[in-house]
Amino acid sequence: MTHPTKLPDAMPDIDVPTLLVVCDSHHCRFIDVGGHTIAEQEPLASKELTHSDRQTTKSGPGGGPVGIGDEHHAEDHRLTDFAKMIVARVVQVSQQQKIGALYISASSRLLSEIKKHLQGDGSKILRSTIDGTFVKEPALDILLRFRPDLQSSLTKLRDLENYSTKKHLPK
């Protein structure tokens, strides 16, 4: 786990311990948010795509063999295995840290696999999903994608206090 980062002072506290899960088809980031801090856990990487060059055979309409490549099936299995790994980590972290809210972002294909395997407590705390891959974005930007209400409250609070990003005194 990396060192926790403090949220901006004008941002309200996060009352419910929250887990943000942000994935693309090969990498997954887990971001803990609670109180006034945000911390990133160790990322998860998918296993490399392994498939054989051998083609399976199937009998064609005339009874002769027709070759079917393994590559598509291997990718499907890798994606399913990756989704299972993600769900296992989500369940482990949510039990250890008593997570109350879960937000997931992934490609539509991976997202459907994750939802298929997410059961029990994981599905009860799932608040929102976003179809998209935001793995390379900063953790604070990811939080604001999932919780736009925080951005609006941050903006309102800054406007009320005549907040300056350069920390100048108000006139």
C-alpha atoms as a PDB file:
ATOM      1  CA  MET A   1       0.000   0.000   0.000  1.00  0.00           C
ATOM      2  CA  THR A   2       1.327   3.439  -0.882  1.00  0.00           C
ATOM      3  CA  HIS A   3       1.355   6.355   1.495  1.00  0.00           C
ATOM      4  CA  PRO A   4      -2.042   7.963   2.016  1.00  0.00           C
ATOM      5  CA  THR A   5      -2.632  11.306   0.339  1.00  0.00           C
ATOM      6  CA  LYS A   6      -4.701  14.010   1.963  1.00  0.00           C
ATOM      7  CA  LEU A   7      -7.759  15.213   0.049  1.00  0.00           C
ATOM      8  CA  PRO A   8      -8.025  18.970  -0.617  1.00  0.00           C
ATOM      9  CA  ASP A   9      -9.019  20.929   2.497  1.00  0.00           C
ATOM     10  CA  ALA A  10     -12.179  22.311   0.914  1.00  0.00           C
ATOM     11  CA  MET A  11     -13.439  18.812   0.070  1.00  0.00           C
ATOM     12  CA  PRO A  12     -15.874  17.251   2.548  1.00  0.00           C
ATOM     13  CA  ASP A  13     -14.927  14.106   4.457  1.00  0.00           C
ATOM     14  CA  ILE A  14     -15.887  10.708   3.041  1.00  0.00           C
ATOM     15  CA  ASP A  15     -18.020   9.209   5.826  1.00  0.00           C
ATOM     16  CA  VAL A  16     -18.290   5.670   4.439  1.00  0.00           C
ATOM     17  CA  PRO A  17     -15.047   3.713   3.822  1.00  0.00           C
ATOM     18  CA  THR A  18     -14.941   3.446   0.027  1.00  0.00           C
ATOM     19  CA  LEU A  19     -13.062   1.267  -2.445  1.00  0.00           C
ATOM     20  CA  LEU A  20     -12.518   2.417  -6.025  1.00  0.00           C
ATOM     21  CA  VAL A  21     -11.633  -0.350  -8.490  1.00  0.00           C
ATOM     22  CA  VAL A  22     -10.321   0.935 -11.833  1.00  0.00           C
ATOM     23  CA  CYS A  23      -9.401  -1.587 -14.528  1.00  0.00           C
ATOM     24  CA  ASP A  24      -8.443  -1.983 -18.116  1.00  0.00           C
ATOM     25  CA  SER A  25      -8.209  -5.423 -19.667  1.00  0.00           C
ATOM     26  CA  HIS A  26      -4.745  -6.135 -18.189  1.00  0.00           C
ATOM     27  CA  HIS A  27      -4.305  -3.938 -15.073  1.00  0.00           C
ATOM     28  CA  CYS A  28      -6.390  -3.050 -12.057  1.00  0.00           C
ATOM     29  CA  ARG A  29      -5.924  -0.341  -9.415  1.00  0.00           C
ATOM     30  CA  PHE A  30      -7.507  -0.414  -5.955  1.00  0.00           C
ATOM     31  CA  ILE A  31      -7.932   2.947  -4.245  1.00  0.00           C
ATOM     32  CA  ASP A  32      -9.100   3.303  -0.615  1.00  0.00           C
ATOM     33  CA  VAL A  33     -10.953   6.461   0.302  1.00  0.00           C
ATOM     34  CA  GLY A  34     -12.085   7.340   3.797  1.00  0.00           C
ATOM     35  CA  GLY A  35     -12.253  10.368   6.024  1.00  0.00           C
ATOM     36  CA  HIS A  36     -10.019  12.922   4.388  1.00  0.00           C
ATOM     37  CA  THR A  37      -7.437  10.564   2.876  1.00  0.00           C
ATOM     38  CA  ILE A  38      -7.000   8.551  -0.282  1.00  0.00           C
ATOM     39  CA  ALA A  39      -4.552   5.632  -0.495  1.00  0.00           C
ATOM     40  CA  GLU A  40      -3.674   3.318  -3.323  1.00  0.00           C
ATOM     41  CA  GLN A  41      -3.116  -0.388  -2.751  1.00  0.00           C
ATOM     42  CA  GLU A  42      -0.855  -2.645  -4.744  1.00  0.00           C
ATOM     43  CA  PRO A  43      -2.162  -2.966  -8.310  1.00  0.00           C
ATOM     44  CA  LEU A  44      -3.222  -6.260  -9.836  1.00  0.00           C
ATOM     45  CA  ALA A  45      -2.019  -7.403 -13.258  1.00  0.00           C
ATOM     46  CA  SER A  46      -3.573 -10.027 -15.483  1.00  0.00           C
ATOM     47  CA  LYS A  47      -1.652 -13.090 -16.501  1.00  0.00           C
ATOM     48  CA  GLU A  48      -0.245 -13.007 -19.996  1.00  0.00           C
ATOM     49  CA  LEU A  49      -2.391 -14.425 -22.761  1.00  0.00           C
ATOM     50  CA  THR A  50      -1.239 -17.970 -23.337  1.00  0.00           C
ATOM     51  CA  HIS A  51      -2.657 -20.025 -26.118  1.00  0.00           C
ATOM     52  CA  SER A  52      -1.371 -22.767 -28.307  1.00  0.00           C
ATOM     53  CA  ASP A  53      -0.730 -22.466 -32.002  1.00  0.00           C
ATOM     54  CA  ARG A  54      -2.558 -25.739 -32.412  1.00  0.00           C
ATOM     55  CA  GLN A  55      -5.984 -25.435 -33.858  1.00  0.00           C
ATOM     56  CA  THR A  56      -8.839 -27.515 -32.633  1.00  0.00           C
ATOM     57  CA  THR A  57     -10.794 -29.313 -35.289  1.00  0.00           C
ATOM     58  CA  LYS A  58     -14.478 -29.575 -35.817  1.00  0.00           C
ATOM     59  CA  SER A  59     -16.293 -31.488 -38.490  1.00  0.00           C
ATOM     60  CA  GLY A  60     -17.604 -29.311 -41.282  1.00  0.00           C
ATOM     61  CA  PRO A  61     -20.824 -29.727 -43.264  1.00  0.00           C
ATOM     62  CA  GLY A  62     -19.204 -32.276 -45.606  1.00  0.00           C
ATOM     63  CA  GLY A  63     -17.747 -34.261 -42.711  1.00  0.00           C
ATOM     64  CA  GLY A  64     -14.200 -32.891 -43.203  1.00  0.00           C
ATOM     65  CA  PRO A  65     -12.256 -31.136 -40.444  1.00  0.00           C
ATOM     66  CA  VAL A  66     -12.511 -27.361 -40.135  1.00  0.00           C
ATOM     67  CA  GLY A  67      -9.866 -25.520 -38.039  1.00  0.00           C
ATOM     68  CA  ILE A  68     -10.976 -23.169 -35.294  1.00  0.00           C
ATOM     69  CA  GLY A  69      -8.382 -20.939 -33.602  1.00  0.00           C
ATOM     70  CA  ASP A  70      -7.837 -21.060 -29.837  1.00  0.00           C
ATOM     71  CA  GLU A  71      -6.914 -17.386 -29.504  1.00  0.00           C
ATOM     72  CA  HIS A  72     -10.424 -16.010 -28.961  1.00  0.00           C
ATOM     73  CA  HIS A  73     -11.246 -18.684 -26.376  1.00  0.00           C
ATOM     74  CA  ALA A  74      -7.946 -18.154 -24.567  1.00  0.00           C
ATOM     75  CA  GLU A  75      -8.631 -14.415 -24.308  1.00  0.00           C
ATOM     76  CA  ASP A  76     -12.114 -15.116 -22.937  1.00  0.00           C
ATOM     77  CA  HIS A  77     -10.647 -17.451 -20.307  1.00  0.00           C
ATOM     78  CA  ARG A  78      -7.953 -14.920 -19.392  1.00  0.00           C
ATOM     79  CA  LEU A  79     -10.582 -12.196 -18.980  1.00  0.00           C
ATOM     80  CA  THR A  80     -12.752 -14.481 -16.835  1.00  0.00           C
ATOM     81  CA  ASP A  81      -9.754 -15.443 -14.675  1.00  0.00           C
ATOM     82  CA  PHE A  82      -8.778 -11.781 -14.319  1.00  0.00           C
ATOM     83  CA  ALA A  83     -12.338 -10.889 -13.252  1.00  0.00           C
ATOM     84  CA  LYS A  84     -12.238 -13.673 -10.646  1.00  0.00           C
ATOM     85  CA  MET A  85      -8.903 -12.332  -9.321  1.00  0.00           C
ATOM     86  CA  ILE A  86     -10.369  -8.824  -9.068  1.00  0.00           C
ATOM     87  CA  VAL A  87     -13.481 -10.046  -7.249  1.00  0.00           C
ATOM     88  CA  ALA A  88     -11.362 -12.106  -4.832  1.00  0.00           C
ATOM     89  CA  ARG A  89      -9.289  -9.005  -3.980  1.00  0.00           C
ATOM     90  CA  VAL A  90     -12.430  -6.865  -3.600  1.00  0.00           C
ATOM     91  CA  VAL A  91     -13.970  -9.376  -1.187  1.00  0.00           C
ATOM     92  CA  GLN A  92     -10.729  -9.647   0.803  1.00  0.00           C
ATOM     93  CA  VAL A  93     -10.234  -5.879   1.096  1.00  0.00           C
ATOM     94  CA  SER A  94     -13.890  -5.170   1.878  1.00  0.00           C
ATOM     95  CA  GLN A  95     -13.880  -7.697   4.720  1.00  0.00           C
ATOM     96  CA  GLN A  96     -10.553  -6.527   6.162  1.00  0.00           C
ATOM     97  CA  GLN A  97     -11.319  -2.818   5.997  1.00  0.00           C
ATOM     98  CA  LYS A  98     -15.097  -2.919   6.444  1.00  0.00           C
ATOM     99  CA  ILE A  99     -15.706  -1.167   3.122  1.00  0.00           C
ATOM    100  CA  GLY A 100     -19.186   0.354   2.854  1.00  0.00           C
ATOM    101  CA  ALA A 101     -19.179   1.547  -0.768  1.00  0.00           C
ATOM    102  CA  LEU A 102     -17.676   0.031  -3.909  1.00  0.00           C
ATOM    103  CA  TYR A 103     -17.237   1.780  -7.264  1.00  0.00           C
ATOM    104  CA  ILE A 104     -15.933  -0.077 -10.329  1.00  0.00           C
ATOM    105  CA  SER A 105     -14.705   1.210 -13.679  1.00  0.00           C
ATOM    106  CA  ALA A 106     -13.749  -1.160 -16.503  1.00  0.00           C
ATOM    107  CA  SER A 107     -14.407  -1.931 -20.134  1.00  0.00           C
ATOM    108  CA  SER A 108     -17.923  -3.228 -20.754  1.00  0.00           C
ATOM    109  CA  ARG A 109     -16.699  -6.772 -21.365  1.00  0.00           C
ATOM    110  CA  LEU A 110     -14.614  -6.960 -18.186  1.00  0.00           C
ATOM    111  CA  LEU A 111     -17.311  -5.146 -16.206  1.00  0.00           C
ATOM    112  CA  SER A 112     -19.884  -7.777 -17.142  1.00  0.00           C
ATOM    113  CA  GLU A 113     -17.489 -10.545 -16.062  1.00  0.00           C
ATOM    114  CA  ILE A 114     -16.832  -8.813 -12.735  1.00  0.00           C
ATOM    115  CA  LYS A 115     -20.560  -8.354 -12.068  1.00  0.00           C
ATOM    116  CA  LYS A 116     -21.158 -12.000 -12.948  1.00  0.00           C
ATOM    117  CA  HIS A 117     -18.710 -13.159 -10.246  1.00  0.00           C
ATOM    118  CA  LEU A 118     -19.444 -10.478  -7.634  1.00  0.00           C
ATOM    119  CA  GLN A 119     -21.845 -11.960  -5.109  1.00  0.00           C
ATOM    120  CA  GLY A 120     -22.848 -11.622  -1.483  1.00  0.00           C
ATOM    121  CA  ASP A 121     -21.348  -8.694   0.397  1.00  0.00           C
ATOM    122  CA  GLY A 122     -19.588  -7.386  -2.717  1.00  0.00           C
ATOM    123  CA  SER A 123     -22.799  -6.936  -4.645  1.00  0.00           C
ATOM    124  CA  LYS A 124     -24.502  -5.331  -1.623  1.00  0.00           C
ATOM    125  CA  ILE A 125     -21.924  -2.542  -1.333  1.00  0.00           C
ATOM    126  CA  LEU A 126     -21.636  -1.888  -5.094  1.00  0.00           C
ATOM    127  CA  ARG A 127     -22.799   1.697  -5.584  1.00  0.00           C
ATOM    128  CA  SER A 128     -21.887   2.489  -9.168  1.00  0.00           C
ATOM    129  CA  THR A 129     -20.102   1.230 -12.257  1.00  0.00           C
ATOM    130  CA  ILE A 130     -18.631   3.193 -15.141  1.00  0.00           C
ATOM    131  CA  ASP A 131     -17.945   1.748 -18.560  1.00  0.00           C
ATOM    132  CA  GLY A 132     -14.479   3.105 -19.300  1.00  0.00           C
ATOM    133  CA  THR A 133     -10.808   2.653 -18.574  1.00  0.00           C
ATOM    134  CA  PHE A 134      -9.279   5.375 -16.422  1.00  0.00           C
ATOM    135  CA  VAL A 135      -6.278   3.416 -15.097  1.00  0.00           C
ATOM    136  CA  LYS A 136      -3.734   6.125 -15.917  1.00  0.00           C
ATOM    137  CA  GLU A 137      -5.632   9.007 -14.297  1.00  0.00           C
ATOM    138  CA  PRO A 138      -4.629  10.393 -10.873  1.00  0.00           C
ATOM    139  CA  ALA A 139      -6.498   8.910  -7.917  1.00  0.00           C
ATOM    140  CA  LEU A 140      -8.262  12.188  -7.045  1.00  0.00           C
ATOM    141  CA  ASP A 141      -9.598  12.557 -10.603  1.00  0.00           C
ATOM    142  CA  ILE A 142     -10.898   8.990 -10.446  1.00  0.00           C
ATOM    143  CA  LEU A 143     -12.684   9.742  -7.164  1.00  0.00           C
ATOM    144  CA  LEU A 144     -14.321  12.806  -8.708  1.00  0.00           C
ATOM    145  CA  ARG A 145     -15.468  10.716 -11.712  1.00  0.00           C
ATOM    146  CA  PHE A 146     -17.310   8.370  -9.363  1.00  0.00           C
ATOM    147  CA  ARG A 147     -18.502  11.076  -6.992  1.00  0.00           C
ATOM    148  CA  PRO A 148     -19.289  14.260  -8.958  1.00  0.00           C
ATOM    149  CA  ASP A 149     -21.172  15.516  -5.902  1.00  0.00           C
ATOM    150  CA  LEU A 150     -17.795  15.993  -4.198  1.00  0.00           C
ATOM    151  CA  GLN A 151     -16.609  18.199  -7.046  1.00  0.00           C
ATOM    152  CA  SER A 152     -19.736  20.332  -6.919  1.00  0.00           C
ATOM    153  CA  SER A 153     -19.566  20.679  -3.126  1.00  0.00           C
ATOM    154  CA  LEU A 154     -15.878  21.536  -3.418  1.00  0.00           C
ATOM    155  CA  THR A 155     -16.660  24.224  -6.001  1.00  0.00           C
ATOM    156  CA  LYS A 156     -19.526  25.639  -3.920  1.00  0.00           C
ATOM    157  CA  LEU A 157     -17.389  25.756  -0.787  1.00  0.00           C
ATOM    158  CA  ARG A 158     -14.561  27.493  -2.626  1.00  0.00           C
ATOM    159  CA  ASP A 159     -17.002  30.063  -4.025  1.00  0.00           C
ATOM    160  CA  LEU A 160     -18.498  30.714  -0.578  1.00  0.00           C
ATOM    161  CA  GLU A 161     -15.132  31.190   1.059  1.00  0.00           C
ATOM    162  CA  ASN A 162     -13.682  33.196  -1.839  1.00  0.00           C
ATOM    163  CA  TYR A 163     -11.163  30.391  -2.102  1.00  0.00           C
ATOM    164  CA  SER A 164      -8.108  30.998  -4.246  1.00  0.00           C
ATOM    165  CA  THR A 165      -6.082  28.118  -5.662  1.00  0.00           C
ATOM    166  CA  LYS A 166      -2.979  30.298  -5.401  1.00  0.00           C
ATOM    167  CA  LYS A 167      -3.734  30.888  -1.708  1.00  0.00           C
ATOM    168  CA  HIS A 168      -3.987  34.673  -2.061  1.00  0.00           C
ATOM    169  CA  LEU A 169      -5.863  36.539   0.596  1.00  0.00           C
ATOM    170  CA  PRO A 170      -9.372  37.600  -0.443  1.00  0.00           C
ATOM    171  CA  LYS A 171      -9.757  41.302  -1.344  1.00  0.00           C
END
